[in-house]
Amino acid sequence: QLQLVEFGGGLVQPGGSLRLSCTAPGFTLNMYAISWFRQAPGKGRIKVSCIDITGEGRHYAGVSEGRFTIWRRNANHTTFLQMNNLKPEDTGVYYCAADSDGVCTSSESEYGMDFWGKGTQVTVSS
């Protein structure tokens, strides 16, 4: 079964940057829209960004707009999330999720995703 894997989390100071990546070893993700969610301690998951199968349709939630950039490299079945000017409130576990509908929408719901990764921890602290 397809299993998503996230890379790139870590500890960074406020104002710093991290680049997350999402892939599925042995599988192609070209026909899936990919979303990134964040789960802060004690809170539910919120969507921070998504990208459709063409790579041209993208959405950023208010918490990420202007600081995060999402793109995909279909040649190696990987989606990236570049996070700049990180703030302590960006701290949480970041999950990528795949949606077979192939469409990226402004919906922030986590429902409807077909596959999830196990997450990568991002901590923004001085």
Foldseek 3Di string as FASTA:
>chain_A
DWAKAKDWADEAAQQAKIKMKIATPPDAQLQWKKWKWFDAPPGDIWTAKIAFSVQPDMDGDPVQPPFWDWGDDRVRRMIMIIGGRDDQVRWGWMKMFIANVRDDDPDGDPPRTDYIYPTDTHGYHD
